[in-house]
Amino acid sequence: MALNYEYDRIPEIDEIIKLYAQSGLPRPIQDRSRMVKMYENSDLIITAWDQDKLVGICRCVTDWVWCCYLSDLAVSPDYQESGIGRKMIEMTRDKVSHQCMILLLSVPTAMDYYPKVGFNKENRAFSINRAE
């Protein structure tokens, strides 16, 4: 399977919503304007394509020199376990400074995945949940 990976190619919002729904990534896909804003305000977007079909997406917010928050990593179920997520994480690492840490909050179903692709589990994070 020959996939094409691209930096900063923002797919149509309907393609993104479809991929999130298929992959089970819990995001506000029923709120199109919020999804659009999520992408407008991102610093780094990496996509994976099988010809013209969006099969993976990685969205980050970063300052490029200290930290990079990997906000979303979604891969189509038909393409999971084929290395797409790992490749997009590697591309993220290549794009941000070697001084930059990559961090994320995992969905419960991916807790076993991230250590396999090089992330350390941390027990020192805090969050304030969103109201909506």
N, C-alpha and C. Protein backbone atom coordinates (compact mmCIF):
# COMPACT_ATOMS: atom_id res chain seq x y z
N MET A 1 0.85 -1.18 0.00
CA MET A 1 0.00 0.00 0.00
C MET A 1 0.90 1.23 0.00
N ALA A 2 0.77 2.04 -1.03
CA ALA A 2 1.56 3.26 -1.16
C ALA A 2 0.73 4.44 -0.68
N LEU A 3 1.07 4.93 0.51
CA LEU A 3 0.34 6.07 1.07
C LEU A 3 1.15 7.34 0.85
N ASN A 4 0.45 8.45 0.83
CA ASN A 4 1.08 9.76 0.69
C ASN A 4 0.85 10.52 1.99
N TYR A 5 1.93 11.06 2.57
CA TYR A 5 1.84 11.85 3.80
C TYR A 5 2.14 13.30 3.46
N GLU A 6 1.36 14.21 4.05
CA GLU A 6 1.54 15.62 3.75
C GLU A 6 1.48 16.46 5.02
N TYR A 7 2.32 17.51 5.04
CA TYR A 7 2.28 18.51 6.09
C TYR A 7 1.32 19.62 5.69
N ASP A 8 0.55 20.08 6.63
CA ASP A 8 -0.26 21.30 6.49
C ASP A 8 -1.27 21.29 5.34
N ARG A 9 -1.67 20.12 4.90
CA ARG A 9 -2.78 20.02 3.96
C ARG A 9 -4.02 19.76 4.80
N ILE A 10 -4.88 20.76 4.88
CA ILE A 10 -6.07 20.64 5.71
C ILE A 10 -7.21 20.10 4.84
N PRO A 11 -7.66 18.91 5.13
CA PRO A 11 -8.77 18.34 4.35
C PRO A 11 -10.06 19.12 4.58
N GLU A 12 -11.03 18.87 3.74
CA GLU A 12 -12.36 19.44 3.96
C GLU A 12 -12.87 18.94 5.32
N ILE A 13 -13.61 19.79 6.00
CA ILE A 13 -14.06 19.45 7.35
C ILE A 13 -14.93 18.19 7.35
N ASP A 14 -15.68 17.95 6.29
CA ASP A 14 -16.49 16.73 6.22
C ASP A 14 -15.63 15.48 6.19
N GLU A 15 -14.46 15.54 5.53
CA GLU A 15 -13.53 14.41 5.51
C GLU A 15 -12.98 14.15 6.91
N ILE A 16 -12.65 15.23 7.61
CA ILE A 16 -12.11 15.10 8.97
C ILE A 16 -13.17 14.50 9.89
N ILE A 17 -14.37 15.02 9.83
CA ILE A 17 -15.46 14.53 10.69
C ILE A 17 -15.73 13.05 10.41
N LYS A 18 -15.74 12.66 9.16
CA LYS A 18 -15.96 11.26 8.80
C LYS A 18 -14.87 10.37 9.39
N LEU A 19 -13.61 10.81 9.27
CA LEU A 19 -12.49 10.03 9.81
C LEU A 19 -12.59 9.91 11.33
N TYR A 20 -12.91 11.01 12.01
CA TYR A 20 -13.05 10.97 13.47
C TYR A 20 -14.18 10.02 13.87
N ALA A 21 -15.29 10.09 13.16
CA ALA A 21 -16.43 9.22 13.48
C ALA A 21 -16.06 7.76 13.27
N GLN A 22 -15.39 7.45 12.17
CA GLN A 22 -15.00 6.07 11.88
C GLN A 22 -13.99 5.54 12.90
N SER A 23 -13.06 6.39 13.29
CA SER A 23 -11.99 5.94 14.19
C SER A 23 -12.42 5.94 15.65
N GLY A 24 -13.57 6.56 15.94
CA GLY A 24 -14.06 6.59 17.31
C GLY A 24 -13.38 7.64 18.18
N LEU A 25 -12.67 8.59 17.55
CA LEU A 25 -12.02 9.64 18.32
C LEU A 25 -13.08 10.60 18.85
N PRO A 26 -13.20 10.72 20.17
CA PRO A 26 -14.27 11.56 20.74
C PRO A 26 -13.95 13.06 20.61
N ARG A 27 -14.52 13.65 19.60
CA ARG A 27 -14.38 15.07 19.37
C ARG A 27 -15.76 15.62 19.05
N PRO A 28 -15.93 16.95 19.07
CA PRO A 28 -17.26 17.55 18.86
C PRO A 28 -17.67 17.55 17.38
N ILE A 29 -17.76 16.36 16.79
CA ILE A 29 -18.02 16.26 15.35
C ILE A 29 -19.41 16.75 14.95
N GLN A 30 -20.31 16.88 15.90
CA GLN A 30 -21.64 17.40 15.59
C GLN A 30 -21.63 18.93 15.51
N ASP A 31 -20.52 19.55 15.91
CA ASP A 31 -20.39 21.02 15.91
C ASP A 31 -19.35 21.41 14.87
N ARG A 32 -19.80 21.56 13.63
CA ARG A 32 -18.89 21.84 12.51
C ARG A 32 -18.05 23.10 12.73
N SER A 33 -18.66 24.16 13.24
CA SER A 33 -17.90 25.41 13.41
C SER A 33 -16.79 25.24 14.44
N ARG A 34 -17.04 24.45 15.46
CA ARG A 34 -16.00 24.18 16.47
C ARG A 34 -14.87 23.35 15.84
N MET A 35 -15.22 22.39 15.04
CA MET A 35 -14.20 21.58 14.36
C MET A 35 -13.36 22.45 13.42
N VAL A 36 -14.00 23.35 12.70
CA VAL A 36 -13.27 24.26 11.81
C VAL A 36 -12.29 25.09 12.63
N LYS A 37 -12.72 25.64 13.74
CA LYS A 37 -11.85 26.46 14.59
C LYS A 37 -10.68 25.64 15.15
N MET A 38 -10.94 24.38 15.49
CA MET A 38 -9.87 23.52 15.98
C MET A 38 -8.73 23.45 14.95
N TYR A 39 -9.10 23.33 13.70
CA TYR A 39 -8.08 23.23 12.65
C TYR A 39 -7.49 24.59 12.28
N GLU A 40 -8.28 25.63 12.32
CA GLU A 40 -7.75 26.98 12.03
C GLU A 40 -6.71 27.38 13.06
N ASN A 41 -6.85 26.90 14.27
CA ASN A 41 -5.94 27.31 15.35
C ASN A 41 -4.84 26.30 15.65
N SER A 42 -4.63 25.36 14.77
CA SER A 42 -3.57 24.37 14.95
C SER A 42 -2.29 24.86 14.28
N ASP A 43 -1.16 24.41 14.81
CA ASP A 43 0.14 24.82 14.28
C ASP A 43 0.74 23.80 13.32
N LEU A 44 0.39 22.54 13.48
CA LEU A 44 0.97 21.49 12.66
C LEU A 44 -0.09 20.44 12.37
N ILE A 45 -0.29 20.17 11.11
CA ILE A 45 -1.26 19.15 10.69
C ILE A 45 -0.55 18.22 9.72
N ILE A 46 -0.65 16.93 9.99
CA ILE A 46 -0.07 15.92 9.11
C ILE A 46 -1.20 15.00 8.69
N THR A 47 -1.28 14.72 7.41
CA THR A 47 -2.33 13.85 6.91
C THR A 47 -1.73 12.66 6.16
N ALA A 48 -2.49 11.56 6.17
CA ALA A 48 -2.13 10.37 5.41
C ALA A 48 -3.24 10.10 4.40
N TRP A 49 -2.86 9.84 3.17
CA TRP A 49 -3.82 9.68 2.09
C TRP A 49 -3.56 8.38 1.33
N ASP A 50 -4.62 7.68 1.02
CA ASP A 50 -4.59 6.56 0.08
C ASP A 50 -5.26 7.09 -1.17
N GLN A 51 -4.45 7.53 -2.10
CA GLN A 51 -4.88 8.29 -3.28
C GLN A 51 -5.62 9.53 -2.80
N ASP A 52 -6.93 9.66 -3.03
CA ASP A 52 -7.66 10.85 -2.60
C ASP A 52 -8.45 10.63 -1.32
N LYS A 53 -8.24 9.50 -0.67
CA LYS A 53 -9.00 9.17 0.54
C LYS A 53 -8.16 9.49 1.78
N LEU A 54 -8.70 10.33 2.67
CA LEU A 54 -8.05 10.64 3.94
C LEU A 54 -8.12 9.40 4.83
N VAL A 55 -6.96 8.89 5.24
CA VAL A 55 -6.93 7.69 6.08
C VAL A 55 -6.28 7.92 7.44
N GLY A 56 -5.66 9.10 7.61
CA GLY A 56 -5.05 9.41 8.90
C GLY A 56 -4.82 10.90 9.04
N ILE A 57 -4.88 11.37 10.30
CA ILE A 57 -4.63 12.78 10.55
C ILE A 57 -4.02 12.95 11.93
N CYS A 58 -3.09 13.88 12.00
CA CYS A 58 -2.41 14.23 13.25
C CYS A 58 -2.46 15.75 13.35
N ARG A 59 -2.98 16.26 14.47
CA ARG A 59 -3.14 17.70 14.66
C ARG A 59 -2.42 18.11 15.93
N CYS A 60 -1.58 19.17 15.85
CA CYS A 60 -0.78 19.60 16.99
C CYS A 60 -0.86 21.11 17.21
N VAL A 61 -0.66 21.49 18.46
CA VAL A 61 -0.48 22.88 18.87
C VAL A 61 0.91 22.95 19.50
N THR A 62 1.74 23.88 19.03
CA THR A 62 3.13 23.89 19.49
C THR A 62 3.75 25.29 19.48
N ASP A 63 4.80 25.45 20.30
CA ASP A 63 5.63 26.66 20.23
C ASP A 63 6.93 26.37 19.49
N TRP A 64 7.14 25.13 19.07
CA TRP A 64 8.24 24.64 18.25
C TRP A 64 9.55 24.45 18.99
N VAL A 65 9.71 24.96 20.21
CA VAL A 65 11.00 24.86 20.90
C VAL A 65 10.93 24.31 22.32
N TRP A 66 9.75 24.17 22.88
CA TRP A 66 9.63 23.65 24.24
C TRP A 66 8.64 22.48 24.32
N CYS A 67 7.44 22.72 23.79
CA CYS A 67 6.46 21.63 23.84
C CYS A 67 5.55 21.64 22.62
N CYS A 68 5.11 20.45 22.30
CA CYS A 68 4.17 20.23 21.21
C CYS A 68 3.07 19.35 21.76
N TYR A 69 1.86 19.85 21.77
CA TYR A 69 0.73 19.07 22.25
C TYR A 69 0.09 18.38 21.04
N LEU A 70 0.17 17.06 21.03
CA LEU A 70 -0.45 16.28 19.97
C LEU A 70 -1.92 16.15 20.34
N SER A 71 -2.72 16.99 19.73
CA SER A 71 -4.13 17.12 20.08
C SER A 71 -4.97 15.95 19.57
N ASP A 72 -4.73 15.53 18.35
CA ASP A 72 -5.53 14.48 17.73
C ASP A 72 -4.64 13.57 16.90
N LEU A 73 -4.90 12.29 17.00
CA LEU A 73 -4.29 11.29 16.14
C LEU A 73 -5.38 10.29 15.79
N ALA A 74 -5.80 10.31 14.54
CA ALA A 74 -6.89 9.43 14.11
C ALA A 74 -6.49 8.69 12.85
N VAL A 75 -6.78 7.40 12.83
CA VAL A 75 -6.50 6.55 11.67
C VAL A 75 -7.77 5.75 11.37
N SER A 76 -8.11 5.68 10.10
CA SER A 76 -9.26 4.91 9.67
C SER A 76 -9.13 3.46 10.15
N PRO A 77 -10.21 2.87 10.66
CA PRO A 77 -10.13 1.49 11.15
C PRO A 77 -9.59 0.50 10.12
N ASP A 78 -9.87 0.72 8.84
CA ASP A 78 -9.38 -0.17 7.79
C ASP A 78 -7.86 -0.09 7.61
N TYR A 79 -7.23 0.95 8.18
CA TYR A 79 -5.81 1.17 8.00
C TYR A 79 -5.03 1.08 9.31
N GLN A 80 -5.72 0.82 10.40
CA GLN A 80 -5.03 0.72 11.69
C GLN A 80 -4.12 -0.50 11.70
N GLU A 81 -3.10 -0.41 12.49
CA GLU A 81 -2.06 -1.44 12.62
C GLU A 81 -1.23 -1.58 11.35
N SER A 82 -1.16 -0.51 10.57
CA SER A 82 -0.32 -0.53 9.37
C SER A 82 0.81 0.48 9.47
N GLY A 83 0.98 1.11 10.64
CA GLY A 83 2.09 2.03 10.86
C GLY A 83 1.80 3.49 10.56
N ILE A 84 0.58 3.82 10.22
CA ILE A 84 0.24 5.21 9.87
C ILE A 84 0.39 6.13 11.07
N GLY A 85 -0.15 5.74 12.21
CA GLY A 85 -0.02 6.57 13.41
C GLY A 85 1.44 6.78 13.78
N ARG A 86 2.20 5.70 13.78
CA ARG A 86 3.63 5.78 14.09
C ARG A 86 4.35 6.72 13.14
N LYS A 87 4.05 6.62 11.83
CA LYS A 87 4.68 7.47 10.83
C LYS A 87 4.35 8.95 11.08
N MET A 88 3.09 9.26 11.39
CA MET A 88 2.72 10.66 11.62
C MET A 88 3.38 11.19 12.89
N ILE A 89 3.55 10.35 13.91
CA ILE A 89 4.27 10.78 15.12
C ILE A 89 5.74 11.04 14.79
N GLU A 90 6.35 10.18 14.00
CA GLU A 90 7.73 10.41 13.57
C GLU A 90 7.86 11.70 12.77
N MET A 91 6.90 11.97 11.90
CA MET A 91 6.93 13.21 11.12
C MET A 91 6.77 14.43 12.02
N THR A 92 5.96 14.29 13.07
CA THR A 92 5.82 15.37 14.05
C THR A 92 7.16 15.62 14.71
N ARG A 93 7.82 14.57 15.15
CA ARG A 93 9.13 14.71 15.79
C ARG A 93 10.14 15.35 14.86
N ASP A 94 10.10 14.99 13.57
CA ASP A 94 11.03 15.58 12.60
C ASP A 94 10.76 17.06 12.39
N LYS A 95 9.50 17.46 12.48
CA LYS A 95 9.12 18.85 12.17
C LYS A 95 9.39 19.81 13.34
N VAL A 96 9.18 19.34 14.57
CA VAL A 96 9.42 20.22 15.72
C VAL A 96 10.90 20.17 16.09
N SER A 97 11.35 21.13 16.84
CA SER A 97 12.74 21.22 17.27
C SER A 97 13.14 20.01 18.11
N HIS A 98 14.42 19.65 18.04
CA HIS A 98 14.92 18.57 18.90
C HIS A 98 14.84 18.96 20.38
N GLN A 99 14.63 20.23 20.65
CA GLN A 99 14.47 20.72 22.02
C GLN A 99 13.02 20.58 22.51
N CYS A 100 12.15 20.15 21.63
CA CYS A 100 10.71 20.18 21.89
C CYS A 100 10.20 18.82 22.36
N MET A 101 9.44 18.81 23.44
CA MET A 101 8.80 17.60 23.94
C MET A 101 7.44 17.47 23.27
N ILE A 102 7.03 16.24 23.00
CA ILE A 102 5.69 15.97 22.48
C ILE A 102 4.89 15.35 23.60
N LEU A 103 3.71 15.91 23.86
CA LEU A 103 2.86 15.39 24.92
C LEU A 103 1.44 15.27 24.43
N LEU A 104 0.65 14.46 25.13
CA LEU A 104 -0.74 14.26 24.73
C LEU A 104 -1.54 13.73 25.90
N LEU A 105 -2.85 13.80 25.75
CA LEU A 105 -3.79 13.13 26.64
C LEU A 105 -4.42 12.02 25.82
N SER A 106 -4.31 10.81 26.27
CA SER A 106 -4.80 9.67 25.52
C SER A 106 -6.26 9.36 25.83
N VAL A 107 -6.98 8.91 24.81
CA VAL A 107 -8.30 8.33 25.06
C VAL A 107 -8.06 6.98 25.71
N PRO A 108 -8.97 6.51 26.54
CA PRO A 108 -8.75 5.24 27.25
C PRO A 108 -8.41 4.07 26.33
N THR A 109 -8.98 4.02 25.15
CA THR A 109 -8.75 2.88 24.26
C THR A 109 -7.35 2.88 23.64
N ALA A 110 -6.61 3.97 23.76
CA ALA A 110 -5.27 4.04 23.17
C ALA A 110 -4.15 4.00 24.22
N MET A 111 -4.49 3.74 25.46
CA MET A 111 -3.48 3.75 26.53
C MET A 111 -2.35 2.75 26.29
N ASP A 112 -2.64 1.63 25.66
CA ASP A 112 -1.60 0.64 25.38
C ASP A 112 -0.81 0.96 24.12
N TYR A 113 -1.37 1.80 23.26
CA TYR A 113 -0.72 2.13 21.99
C TYR A 113 0.49 3.05 22.17
N TYR A 114 0.33 4.11 22.93
CA TYR A 114 1.36 5.15 22.96
C TYR A 114 2.71 4.69 23.51
N PRO A 115 2.79 3.84 24.52
CA PRO A 115 4.11 3.33 24.91
C PRO A 115 4.79 2.54 23.79
N LYS A 116 4.02 1.91 22.93
CA LYS A 116 4.58 1.13 21.82
C LYS A 116 5.24 2.01 20.76
N VAL A 117 4.84 3.28 20.71
CA VAL A 117 5.39 4.18 19.70
C VAL A 117 6.32 5.23 20.31
N GLY A 118 6.81 4.96 21.52
CA GLY A 118 7.86 5.80 22.09
C GLY A 118 7.46 6.78 23.17
N PHE A 119 6.20 6.84 23.55
CA PHE A 119 5.78 7.78 24.59
C PHE A 119 6.02 7.16 25.97
N ASN A 120 6.39 8.01 26.92
CA ASN A 120 6.50 7.61 28.31
C ASN A 120 5.19 7.93 29.00
N LYS A 121 4.74 7.02 29.85
CA LYS A 121 3.53 7.30 30.63
C LYS A 121 3.91 8.23 31.78
N GLU A 122 3.14 9.27 31.97
CA GLU A 122 3.40 10.26 33.01
C GLU A 122 2.31 10.21 34.07
N ASN A 123 2.68 10.40 35.29
CA ASN A 123 1.71 10.46 36.38
C ASN A 123 1.72 11.83 37.06
N ARG A 124 2.14 12.84 36.32
CA ARG A 124 2.24 14.17 36.91
C ARG A 124 1.48 15.23 36.13
N ALA A 125 0.50 14.80 35.38
CA ALA A 125 -0.29 15.75 34.59
C ALA A 125 -1.55 16.14 35.34
N PHE A 126 -2.05 17.31 35.02
CA PHE A 126 -3.28 17.84 35.60
C PHE A 126 -4.12 18.43 34.48
N SER A 127 -5.42 18.46 34.68
CA SER A 127 -6.29 19.08 33.69
C SER A 127 -7.51 19.68 34.37
N ILE A 128 -8.08 20.64 33.70
CA ILE A 128 -9.38 21.20 34.08
C ILE A 128 -10.29 20.86 32.91
N ASN A 129 -11.31 20.07 33.16
CA ASN A 129 -12.19 19.63 32.08
C ASN A 129 -12.99 20.78 31.50
N ARG A 130 -13.31 20.65 30.21
CA ARG A 130 -14.10 21.67 29.54
C ARG A 130 -15.55 21.62 30.02
N ALA A 131 -16.20 22.73 30.01
CA ALA A 131 -17.59 22.81 30.45
C ALA A 131 -18.55 22.29 29.39
N GLU A 132 -18.16 22.36 28.09
CA GLU A 132 -19.00 21.83 27.01
C GLU A 132 -18.15 21.07 26.03
